[in-house]
Protein backbone atom coordinates (compact mmCIF):
# COMPACT_ATOMS: atom_id res chain seq x y z
CA MET A 1 0.00 0.00 0.00
CA CYS A 2 1.15 3.51 -0.80
CA VAL A 3 1.86 5.96 1.99
CA VAL A 4 0.65 9.46 1.17
CA THR A 5 2.44 12.29 2.93
CA ASN A 6 0.89 15.67 3.66
CA LYS A 7 2.99 17.23 0.88
CA ASP A 8 1.83 14.57 -1.61
CA ARG A 9 -1.79 15.19 -0.59
CA GLN A 10 -1.46 18.96 -1.03
CA LEU A 11 0.22 18.55 -4.41
CA THR A 12 -2.37 16.06 -5.67
CA ASP A 13 -5.20 18.34 -4.53
CA GLU A 14 -3.58 21.26 -6.37
CA LEU A 15 -3.00 19.03 -9.39
CA LYS A 16 -6.65 17.89 -9.46
CA LYS A 17 -7.87 21.48 -9.33
CA ASN A 18 -5.57 22.56 -12.15
CA VAL A 19 -6.38 19.54 -14.33
CA ILE A 20 -10.05 20.52 -14.22
CA LEU A 21 -9.24 24.18 -14.99
CA ALA A 22 -6.91 23.14 -17.83
CA ASP A 23 -9.67 21.00 -19.33
CA LEU A 24 -11.82 24.13 -19.32
CA GLY A 25 -9.12 25.97 -21.27
CA ASP A 26 -7.28 27.87 -18.53
CA GLN A 27 -3.71 28.44 -19.80
CA GLU A 28 -2.37 29.39 -16.35
CA ALA A 29 -3.61 26.07 -15.00
CA LYS A 30 -1.67 24.23 -17.71
CA ALA A 31 1.51 26.02 -16.61
CA LYS A 32 0.83 25.14 -12.96
CA ILE A 33 0.38 21.47 -13.92
CA ALA A 34 3.85 21.51 -15.48
CA ASP A 35 5.28 23.05 -12.29
CA ILE A 36 3.60 20.45 -10.08
CA TRP A 37 4.87 17.61 -12.29
CA GLY A 38 8.34 19.08 -11.90
CA VAL A 39 8.03 18.54 -8.15
CA PHE A 40 6.64 15.04 -8.56
CA SER A 41 9.34 14.04 -11.02
CA THR A 42 11.99 14.77 -8.40
CA THR A 43 10.36 12.23 -6.08
CA ASP A 44 9.44 8.61 -6.61
CA PHE A 45 5.84 9.67 -7.35
CA LEU A 46 6.02 8.96 -11.06
CA ASP A 47 8.20 5.86 -10.89
CA LYS A 48 7.93 5.54 -14.68
CA CYS A 49 4.17 5.02 -14.44
CA ASP A 50 1.21 6.88 -15.84
CA PRO A 51 -0.86 8.35 -13.00
CA ILE A 52 -4.59 7.67 -13.14
CA ILE A 53 -7.35 9.97 -11.94
CA VAL A 54 -10.48 8.27 -10.59
CA ILE A 55 -13.65 10.36 -10.56
CA TYR A 56 -16.35 9.03 -8.26
CA PRO A 57 -20.11 9.44 -8.89
CA ASP A 58 -20.38 12.04 -6.11
CA GLY A 59 -17.82 14.26 -7.88
CA GLU A 60 -14.87 13.45 -5.61
CA SER A 61 -11.66 12.40 -7.30
CA GLU A 62 -8.42 10.69 -6.40
CA ILE A 63 -5.12 10.39 -8.23
CA TYR A 64 -3.19 7.13 -8.05
CA ARG A 65 0.46 6.78 -9.01
CA SER A 66 -0.03 3.94 -11.48
CA LYS A 67 -2.50 1.49 -12.96
CA ILE A 68 -1.38 -1.08 -10.39
CA LYS A 69 -2.16 1.26 -7.48
CA THR A 70 -5.52 2.11 -9.07
CA ILE A 71 -6.41 -1.56 -9.52
CA GLU A 72 -5.49 -2.34 -5.92
CA ALA A 73 -7.35 0.63 -4.44
CA CYS A 74 -10.50 0.30 -6.56
CA LYS A 75 -10.51 -3.51 -6.54
CA ILE A 76 -11.06 -3.84 -10.28
CA ALA A 77 -9.48 -5.97 -12.98
CA HIS A 78 -6.79 -4.63 -15.32
CA LYS A 79 -9.10 -5.32 -18.26
CA THR A 80 -11.89 -3.30 -16.64
CA LEU A 81 -9.58 -0.36 -16.00
CA GLN A 82 -8.23 -0.42 -19.55
CA ASN A 83 -11.75 -0.64 -21.01
CA CYS A 84 -12.97 2.29 -18.88
CA ILE A 85 -10.00 4.44 -19.92
CA GLU A 86 -10.33 3.60 -23.63
CA THR A 87 -14.11 4.01 -23.89
CA GLY A 88 -14.66 6.71 -21.28
CA SER A 89 -17.42 4.65 -19.73
CA PRO A 90 -17.75 4.22 -15.95
CA ASP A 91 -17.23 0.90 -14.15
CA ARG A 92 -20.10 -0.91 -12.43
CA MET A 93 -19.66 1.33 -9.36
CA GLY A 94 -20.01 4.49 -11.47
CA ARG A 95 -16.34 5.49 -11.25
CA CYS A 96 -14.65 7.03 -14.30
CA TYR A 97 -10.94 6.66 -15.02
CA ASP A 98 -8.48 8.62 -17.14
CA TYR A 99 -4.78 9.34 -17.43
CA VAL A 100 -3.59 12.50 -15.70
CA ILE A 101 -2.45 15.12 -18.20
CA ARG A 102 1.27 15.85 -17.96
C-alpha cells in the first residue's frame, strides 16, 4: 500500500484542481500542472508510471500513481480499467478513469 504524505496530498489536490481548470481551457492552470509535475518528477511519485485519476459518482476524485495502485485501491481488474479508460465509460460502481495530463 502507498503511503501518502501531507505534501503529496497537497500537491495532488492542487493538481486535481488545475487539471479541471486546464480541461476548461485555462492556460495558467496548464503552466501550474507543469510546475507540479516538476516537483513530482523529483520524487518517486512517477516511478515511470502513468498516474490515473479516478472520478467518483459524487464528484470526488483521487489520483493514483499507477495502474497497479488504481487496480489495488478500486478492486477492479486490469481489463476493466483499460476498457474504462479507452471508452470513457464508468465501471459498475459508477467510477470514471483517465490518465492525468502531464
